[in-house]
Amino acid sequence: MLKYYISTVIFFIAFLCVSGLTLATNLESEASVVAVGDNLIHPEVYNDAKTGKNSFDFKPMYEPVKKDIQNADIAYVNQESPLGGDDRPYHGFKRFNTPSSVAQDLVDTGFNFVNGSNNHAMDQGESGINNSIHTWDKFKDKVLFTGVFNSQEARDEIPTKTVNGIKVSMLSYTFGTNGIKPSHPYTINTFDETQIKKDVKEAKKQSDAVIVSAHWGNEGHHMENKTQERYAKVFADAGVDVVLGMHPHVIEPVKWVKGKDGNKTLVAYSLGNFLNGQATGNESNDLLGRLNFKLVKNPKGVKVENVKWRSMVNHYELANVYDKNSKKDFKIYPLHDYTDKLAEKHGLHYVNGANMTKERLQDITKEVIDKEFLDDESL
């Protein structure tokens, strides 16, 4: 009888433990995230994508990384060059205007969080801002587009999207707009400590996790500067979960920044470029960054876990090796899948004699990104 009693008690305790574990597991939800840098559509890129007088197809350029993007619950990209309007000439640096069809191709590739706040946002003036907003509004059932606004009401609304039961807010800030001042203070967010604290406080009331898109840093530099470090601390102290940096056009370190309340904020100081036709620079400008991580929600809050870096390559070739403007066959490859044979064909060899080899790109990655965030698939 005693043995029966003891067995029953043990069974009951085990049942409670298993039930408790199951309940805890059921209360936990997660969302996978991928983030890339500047989708910067130079004339060489949109000319390569041209399929007719006024038609373009960028999808083949994204195809080698499409599966990785589509597999994520949240896929972020910075649309660096504005979709200023198909009613005016397309243009590259310094006043970009990108074919609006790139929006559809990004959506088809799997991107659903898109930033428009960067130093080129005002390249086509406020009418260009309105055209960008109008284009992305067509995808508002699928895409959270933010960073530029056409009213104070739109600016004051916290951009939030619920993914797998996790409410995620995305705030965006840029250091400036290349000297083109908007007519209204609400048009675009620039770095202002007071406003940032206010925005983050409101976002944290409405959401489980807060992601910030930060357009900052020095172009061509693989290390963050003092201003980036200062604002990274501002974001961390305010309780931001993740900061996604861009603008330098090269990759910069990923770090955990401690906030005043003991929290940790994941900061990717620069994800570098994404699809681009940048004529200046070297192999660093065609080494692209992608950050993978998970947002895990439980009754205690949201944690950022499984953070891994994935380097990619912006590949193109030259139709004529004596003409650096004859770039063609743009494609983005995971560095892990990139071959020496492809690297030998890269047009950058003929543009400025860069050391465009897979080994060189692997070495840069290891020099910049801490080994904590690297594994076999990173390189």
Protein backbone atom coordinates (compact mmCIF):
# COMPACT_ATOMS: atom_id res chain seq x y z
CA MET A 1 0.00 0.00 0.00
CA LEU A 2 2.80 2.36 0.93
CA LYS A 3 4.55 1.59 -2.35
CA TYR A 4 1.34 2.34 -4.25
CA TYR A 5 0.94 5.64 -2.41
CA ILE A 6 4.53 6.69 -3.10
CA SER A 7 4.21 5.72 -6.77
CA THR A 8 1.02 7.75 -7.07
CA VAL A 9 2.66 10.83 -5.51
CA ILE A 10 5.71 10.55 -7.78
CA PHE A 11 3.47 10.16 -10.83
CA PHE A 12 1.41 13.21 -9.79
CA ILE A 13 4.53 15.35 -9.26
CA ALA A 14 5.94 14.26 -12.62
CA PHE A 15 2.60 15.10 -14.27
CA LEU A 16 2.66 18.59 -12.75
CA CYS A 17 6.25 19.16 -13.89
CA VAL A 18 5.53 18.08 -17.45
CA SER A 19 2.30 20.09 -17.53
CA GLY A 20 4.13 23.14 -16.20
CA LEU A 21 6.86 22.75 -18.81
CA THR A 22 4.26 22.39 -21.56
CA LEU A 23 2.39 25.44 -20.31
CA ALA A 24 5.60 27.49 -20.17
CA THR A 25 6.48 26.39 -23.69
CA ASN A 26 3.01 27.28 -24.96
CA LEU A 27 3.33 30.74 -23.43
CA GLU A 28 6.53 31.35 -25.38
CA SER A 29 6.48 32.68 -28.96
CA GLU A 30 9.25 33.71 -31.31
CA ALA A 31 9.86 35.56 -34.55
CA SER A 32 12.92 35.09 -36.74
CA VAL A 33 14.49 38.24 -38.17
CA VAL A 34 16.90 38.98 -41.01
CA ALA A 35 18.23 42.46 -41.69
CA VAL A 36 20.29 43.84 -44.58
CA GLY A 37 21.71 47.26 -45.43
CA ASP A 38 21.44 49.81 -48.22
CA ASN A 39 19.41 48.89 -51.29
CA LEU A 40 21.09 51.55 -53.39
CA ILE A 41 19.95 51.47 -57.01
CA HIS A 42 22.55 53.21 -59.17
CA PRO A 43 21.95 53.67 -62.94
CA GLU A 44 24.14 50.65 -63.71
CA VAL A 45 21.76 48.52 -61.63
CA TYR A 46 18.45 49.75 -63.04
CA ASN A 47 19.85 49.65 -66.58
CA ASP A 48 20.81 46.01 -66.02
CA ALA A 49 17.30 45.35 -64.71
CA LYS A 50 15.62 47.01 -67.69
CA THR A 51 13.26 44.78 -69.67
CA GLY A 52 11.54 47.45 -71.77
CA LYS A 53 11.17 51.20 -72.22
CA ASN A 54 9.68 51.74 -68.78
CA SER A 55 9.84 48.28 -67.24
CA PHE A 56 12.36 46.68 -64.92
CA ASP A 57 12.90 43.33 -63.23
CA PHE A 58 15.18 43.32 -60.20
CA LYS A 59 14.03 39.92 -58.91
CA PRO A 60 16.85 37.86 -60.53
CA MET A 61 19.38 40.05 -58.71
CA TYR A 62 17.95 39.01 -55.33
CA GLU A 63 17.29 35.38 -56.29
CA PRO A 64 20.40 33.76 -54.67
CA VAL A 65 19.38 35.09 -51.23
CA LYS A 66 15.60 34.94 -51.71
CA LYS A 67 15.16 31.71 -49.74
CA ASP A 68 17.02 33.13 -46.74
CA ILE A 69 14.89 36.28 -46.80
CA GLN A 70 11.58 34.47 -47.25
CA ASN A 71 12.31 32.02 -44.45
CA ALA A 72 12.32 34.86 -41.91
CA ASP A 73 9.21 36.18 -40.17
CA ILE A 74 10.61 39.71 -40.29
CA ALA A 75 12.89 40.81 -43.13
CA TYR A 76 14.31 44.35 -42.97
CA VAL A 77 15.94 46.43 -45.71
CA ASN A 78 16.93 50.08 -45.99
CA GLN A 79 15.64 51.49 -49.29
CA GLU A 80 18.45 53.99 -49.64
CA SER A 81 17.53 55.46 -53.01
CA PRO A 82 14.04 57.03 -52.95
CA LEU A 83 11.21 55.89 -55.19
CA GLY A 84 10.72 59.52 -56.18
CA GLY A 85 8.32 58.96 -59.05
CA ASP A 86 8.10 57.27 -62.44
CA ASP A 87 6.89 60.59 -63.88
CA ARG A 88 10.43 62.00 -63.83
CA PRO A 89 13.86 60.81 -65.01
CA TYR A 90 15.52 58.04 -63.04
CA HIS A 91 18.82 59.12 -61.57
CA GLY A 92 21.83 58.06 -59.54
CA PHE A 93 24.21 59.94 -57.26
CA LYS A 94 23.79 62.68 -55.99
CA ARG A 95 20.02 62.97 -56.51
CA PHE A 96 18.75 59.41 -56.69
CA ASN A 97 15.41 58.44 -58.22
CA THR A 98 14.72 54.71 -58.42
CA PRO A 99 12.06 52.90 -60.49
CA SER A 100 9.09 52.24 -58.22
CA SER A 101 8.87 48.63 -59.45
CA VAL A 102 11.75 47.76 -57.12
CA ALA A 103 9.18 47.85 -54.31
CA GLN A 104 7.25 44.94 -55.79
CA ASP A 105 10.46 43.00 -56.35
CA LEU A 106 11.59 43.54 -52.75
CA VAL A 107 8.20 42.36 -51.51
CA ASP A 108 8.35 39.31 -53.77
CA THR A 109 11.82 38.57 -52.38
CA GLY A 110 10.33 38.52 -48.89
CA PHE A 111 11.04 41.91 -47.30
CA ASN A 112 8.30 43.21 -45.02
CA PHE A 113 10.02 45.88 -42.88
CA VAL A 114 11.32 48.75 -45.05
CA ASN A 115 13.09 51.91 -43.93
CA GLY A 116 12.97 55.18 -45.88
CA SER A 117 14.79 57.47 -43.44
CA ASN A 118 18.29 58.16 -44.78
CA ASN A 119 20.41 60.96 -46.20
CA HIS A 120 19.01 60.46 -49.73
CA ALA A 121 15.34 60.51 -48.69
CA MET A 122 14.91 64.13 -49.86
CA ASP A 123 16.77 63.68 -53.17
CA GLN A 124 13.54 64.21 -55.15
CA GLY A 125 12.07 66.75 -52.78
CA GLU A 126 8.85 66.43 -50.86
CA SER A 127 6.96 65.31 -53.95
CA GLY A 128 9.45 62.44 -54.09
CA ILE A 129 8.71 61.65 -50.44
CA ASN A 130 4.99 61.56 -51.23
CA ASN A 131 5.60 59.28 -54.21
CA SER A 132 7.64 56.88 -52.07
CA ILE A 133 4.89 56.77 -49.45
CA HIS A 134 2.22 56.27 -52.14
CA THR A 135 4.18 53.37 -53.67
CA TRP A 136 4.71 51.57 -50.38
CA ASP A 137 1.09 52.18 -49.33
CA LYS A 138 0.12 49.68 -52.04
CA PHE A 139 1.77 46.97 -49.94
CA LYS A 140 0.64 48.11 -46.48
CA ASP A 141 -1.14 44.82 -45.85
CA LYS A 142 2.24 43.07 -46.12
CA VAL A 143 4.89 45.71 -45.44
CA LEU A 144 5.68 48.08 -42.60
CA PHE A 145 7.24 51.10 -44.34
CA THR A 146 8.40 53.97 -42.19
CA GLY A 147 10.95 56.76 -41.79
CA VAL A 148 9.30 59.43 -43.97
CA PHE A 149 5.88 60.99 -43.43
CA ASN A 150 3.33 63.24 -45.15
CA SER A 151 1.59 64.56 -42.03
CA GLN A 152 2.17 65.18 -38.34
CA GLU A 153 -0.46 62.57 -37.56
CA ALA A 154 1.47 59.95 -39.55
CA ARG A 155 4.72 61.00 -37.85
CA ASP A 156 3.24 60.64 -34.37
CA GLU A 157 1.86 57.17 -35.01
CA ILE A 158 4.21 54.43 -33.80
CA PRO A 159 4.89 52.05 -36.72
CA THR A 160 4.03 48.60 -35.35
CA LYS A 161 3.40 45.18 -36.84
CA THR A 162 2.34 42.00 -35.02
CA VAL A 163 4.33 38.92 -36.04
CA ASN A 164 3.66 35.50 -34.47
CA GLY A 165 1.90 37.19 -31.59
CA ILE A 166 4.80 39.60 -30.95
CA LYS A 167 4.13 43.31 -31.40
CA VAL A 168 7.21 44.88 -33.00
CA SER A 169 7.73 48.62 -33.42
CA MET A 170 10.29 50.10 -35.82
CA LEU A 171 11.59 53.63 -35.35
CA SER A 172 13.91 55.34 -37.86
CA TYR A 173 16.41 58.20 -37.62
CA THR A 174 18.99 59.75 -39.94
CA PHE A 175 21.88 62.14 -39.33
CA GLY A 176 20.64 64.43 -42.11
CA THR A 177 19.37 64.78 -45.68
CA ASN A 178 22.41 66.07 -47.59
CA GLY A 179 21.54 69.70 -46.98
CA ILE A 180 18.02 69.50 -48.46
CA LYS A 181 15.77 70.79 -45.72
CA PRO A 182 12.16 69.55 -45.71
CA SER A 183 9.39 72.13 -45.51
CA HIS A 184 7.79 70.40 -42.54
CA PRO A 185 9.41 69.17 -39.32
CA TYR A 186 7.42 65.94 -39.47
CA THR A 187 8.70 64.79 -42.88
CA ILE A 188 11.72 62.83 -41.66
CA ASN A 189 13.24 61.89 -38.30
CA THR A 190 16.73 63.12 -37.54
CA PHE A 191 18.80 62.33 -34.45
CA ASP A 192 17.37 64.25 -31.49
CA GLU A 193 17.91 62.76 -28.06
CA THR A 194 14.75 64.21 -26.53
CA GLN A 195 12.56 63.04 -29.41
CA ILE A 196 14.17 59.60 -29.44
CA LYS A 197 13.44 59.08 -25.75
CA LYS A 198 9.85 60.20 -26.27
CA ASP A 199 9.36 57.92 -29.28
CA VAL A 200 10.86 54.87 -27.61
CA LYS A 201 8.85 55.41 -24.43
CA GLU A 202 5.63 55.48 -26.46
CA ALA A 203 6.70 52.50 -28.57
CA LYS A 204 7.40 50.42 -25.47
CA LYS A 205 3.87 51.13 -24.23
CA GLN A 206 2.40 49.75 -27.44
CA SER A 207 4.72 46.89 -28.35
CA ASP A 208 6.72 43.95 -27.06
CA ALA A 209 9.94 44.79 -28.94
CA VAL A 210 11.44 47.97 -30.39
CA ILE A 211 13.79 47.97 -33.38
CA VAL A 212 15.56 51.15 -34.47
CA SER A 213 16.93 51.90 -37.94
CA ALA A 214 19.89 54.26 -37.49
CA HIS A 215 21.45 56.05 -40.46
CA TRP A 216 24.78 57.22 -39.09
CA GLY A 217 28.57 56.83 -39.16
CA ASN A 218 31.46 57.63 -41.50
CA GLU A 219 31.43 56.32 -45.05
CA GLY A 220 34.12 53.75 -45.80
CA HIS A 221 35.05 53.20 -42.14
CA HIS A 222 34.91 49.71 -40.63
CA MET A 223 34.70 51.07 -37.07
CA GLU A 224 31.94 53.00 -35.36
CA ASN A 225 32.57 56.63 -34.39
CA LYS A 226 31.90 58.50 -31.15
CA THR A 227 28.52 59.77 -32.31
CA GLN A 228 27.37 56.25 -33.09
CA GLU A 229 28.55 55.07 -29.67
CA ARG A 230 26.77 57.97 -27.99
CA TYR A 231 23.43 57.29 -29.64
CA ALA A 232 23.79 53.53 -29.20
CA LYS A 233 23.90 54.26 -25.45
CA VAL A 234 20.88 56.58 -25.77
CA PHE A 235 18.94 53.78 -27.46
CA ALA A 236 20.08 51.21 -24.90
CA ASP A 237 19.19 53.46 -21.95
CA ALA A 238 15.75 54.00 -23.47
CA GLY A 239 15.20 50.25 -23.68
CA VAL A 240 15.49 49.59 -27.42
CA ASP A 241 15.97 45.90 -28.21
CA VAL A 242 17.85 46.09 -31.52
CA VAL A 243 19.59 48.87 -33.48
CA LEU A 244 20.22 48.29 -37.19
CA GLY A 245 22.85 50.70 -38.50
CA MET A 246 23.69 51.77 -42.03
CA HIS A 247 25.24 54.56 -44.15
CA PRO A 248 29.00 53.75 -44.07
CA HIS A 249 28.53 51.44 -47.15
CA VAL A 250 30.86 48.95 -45.44
CA ILE A 251 30.29 46.58 -42.55
CA GLU A 252 30.99 47.60 -38.95
CA PRO A 253 31.00 45.66 -35.65
CA VAL A 254 28.04 44.08 -33.90
CA LYS A 255 28.01 44.65 -30.14
CA TRP A 256 25.84 44.33 -27.05
CA VAL A 257 25.38 47.74 -25.42
CA LYS A 258 24.30 47.81 -21.79
CA GLY A 259 21.45 50.11 -20.80
CA LYS A 260 21.04 51.96 -17.52
CA ASP A 261 18.50 49.45 -16.27
CA GLY A 262 20.81 46.48 -16.85
CA ASN A 263 19.22 45.59 -20.17
CA LYS A 264 21.30 44.71 -23.23
CA THR A 265 20.69 46.20 -26.67
CA LEU A 266 21.96 44.48 -29.81
CA VAL A 267 23.66 47.08 -32.02
CA ALA A 268 24.80 46.36 -35.57
CA TYR A 269 26.72 49.56 -36.26
CA SER A 270 26.62 49.06 -40.03
CA LEU A 271 25.22 46.32 -42.23
CA GLY A 272 26.97 47.87 -45.22
CA ASN A 273 25.45 47.89 -48.70
CA PHE A 274 22.89 45.57 -50.22
CA LEU A 275 22.23 45.66 -53.98
CA ASN A 276 24.24 48.56 -55.39
CA GLY A 277 26.38 49.82 -58.26
CA GLN A 278 28.73 51.99 -56.24
CA ALA A 279 31.58 53.17 -58.45
CA THR A 280 33.93 54.32 -55.69
CA GLY A 281 35.56 52.28 -52.95
CA ASN A 282 36.97 48.77 -53.00
CA GLU A 283 36.04 45.20 -52.18
CA SER A 284 34.65 46.33 -48.80
CA ASN A 285 31.75 48.06 -50.59
CA ASP A 286 30.69 44.81 -52.26
CA LEU A 287 30.98 42.83 -49.01
CA LEU A 288 27.45 42.96 -47.63
CA GLY A 289 26.17 42.24 -44.13
CA ARG A 290 23.10 40.32 -43.04
CA LEU A 291 22.12 39.90 -39.40
CA ASN A 292 19.99 36.94 -38.31
CA PHE A 293 18.40 36.76 -34.86
CA LYS A 294 15.25 35.73 -33.02
CA LEU A 295 12.85 37.72 -30.90
CA VAL A 296 11.64 35.37 -28.17
CA LYS A 297 8.65 36.41 -26.06
CA ASN A 298 7.66 34.86 -22.75
CA PRO A 299 5.69 36.18 -19.75
CA LYS A 300 8.78 38.07 -18.56
CA GLY A 301 9.23 40.00 -21.82
CA VAL A 302 11.18 39.71 -25.08
CA LYS A 303 14.76 38.54 -25.47
CA VAL A 304 17.05 38.74 -28.50
CA GLU A 305 18.61 35.33 -29.13
CA ASN A 306 20.54 33.27 -31.70
CA VAL A 307 22.36 36.24 -33.18
CA LYS A 308 24.39 35.27 -36.23
CA TRP A 309 26.15 37.25 -38.94
CA ARG A 310 25.90 36.26 -42.60
CA SER A 311 28.21 37.97 -45.09
CA MET A 312 27.06 38.34 -48.70
CA VAL A 313 28.58 39.55 -51.98
CA ASN A 314 27.31 42.15 -54.43
CA HIS A 315 28.44 40.48 -57.66
CA TYR A 316 28.57 42.01 -61.13
CA GLU A 317 30.62 41.60 -64.28
CA LEU A 318 31.67 43.93 -67.10
CA ALA A 319 30.40 43.64 -70.66
CA ASN A 320 33.59 45.43 -71.69
CA VAL A 321 36.57 45.18 -69.34
CA TYR A 322 37.84 48.53 -70.65
CA ASP A 323 34.59 50.29 -69.76
CA LYS A 324 33.93 50.48 -66.03
CA ASN A 325 30.39 51.69 -66.74
CA SER A 326 29.45 48.47 -68.56
CA LYS A 327 28.40 46.63 -65.38
CA LYS A 328 25.99 43.76 -65.88
CA ASP A 329 24.64 40.56 -64.33
CA PHE A 330 24.16 42.01 -60.84
CA LYS A 331 23.42 39.34 -58.24
CA ILE A 332 23.67 39.03 -54.48
CA TYR A 333 25.23 35.80 -53.22
CA PRO A 334 25.75 34.48 -49.71
CA LEU A 335 29.52 34.57 -49.15
CA HIS A 336 29.24 30.97 -47.93
CA ASP A 337 28.09 29.94 -51.43
CA TYR A 338 30.34 32.31 -53.39
CA THR A 339 33.04 30.62 -55.43
CA ASP A 340 36.55 31.60 -56.46
CA LYS A 341 35.44 31.19 -60.06
CA LEU A 342 32.75 33.83 -59.61
CA ALA A 343 35.16 36.08 -57.73
CA GLU A 344 37.58 35.98 -60.68
CA LYS A 345 34.83 37.37 -62.93
CA HIS A 346 33.87 40.21 -60.59
CA GLY A 347 33.98 43.54 -62.39
CA LEU A 348 35.71 45.25 -59.49
CA HIS A 349 39.02 43.70 -60.63
CA TYR A 350 38.92 45.95 -63.69
CA VAL A 351 37.49 49.04 -62.05
CA ASN A 352 40.24 49.71 -59.52
CA GLY A 353 42.28 46.54 -59.25
CA ALA A 354 40.66 45.53 -55.97
CA ASN A 355 41.58 42.30 -54.22
CA MET A 356 38.21 40.70 -54.92
CA THR A 357 38.65 37.14 -53.68
CA LYS A 358 36.51 35.02 -51.39
CA GLU A 359 39.39 34.71 -48.94
CA ARG A 360 39.79 38.48 -48.79
CA LEU A 361 36.07 38.94 -48.05
CA GLN A 362 36.26 36.26 -45.36
CA ASP A 363 39.26 38.00 -43.79
CA ILE A 364 37.47 41.38 -43.67
CA THR A 365 34.47 39.73 -42.04
CA LYS A 366 36.63 38.12 -39.35
CA GLU A 367 38.51 41.38 -38.74
CA VAL A 368 35.30 43.38 -38.22
CA ILE A 369 32.73 40.99 -36.73
CA ASP A 370 33.33 39.41 -33.31
CA LYS A 371 33.61 35.62 -33.37
CA GLU A 372 30.63 35.45 -30.98
CA PHE A 373 28.42 36.18 -33.99
CA LEU A 374 30.22 33.97 -36.54
CA ASP A 375 29.84 30.34 -37.53
CA ASP A 376 30.55 28.25 -40.65
CA GLU A 377 27.67 29.80 -42.57
CA SER A 378 28.87 33.35 -41.81
CA LEU A 379 31.76 33.03 -44.24
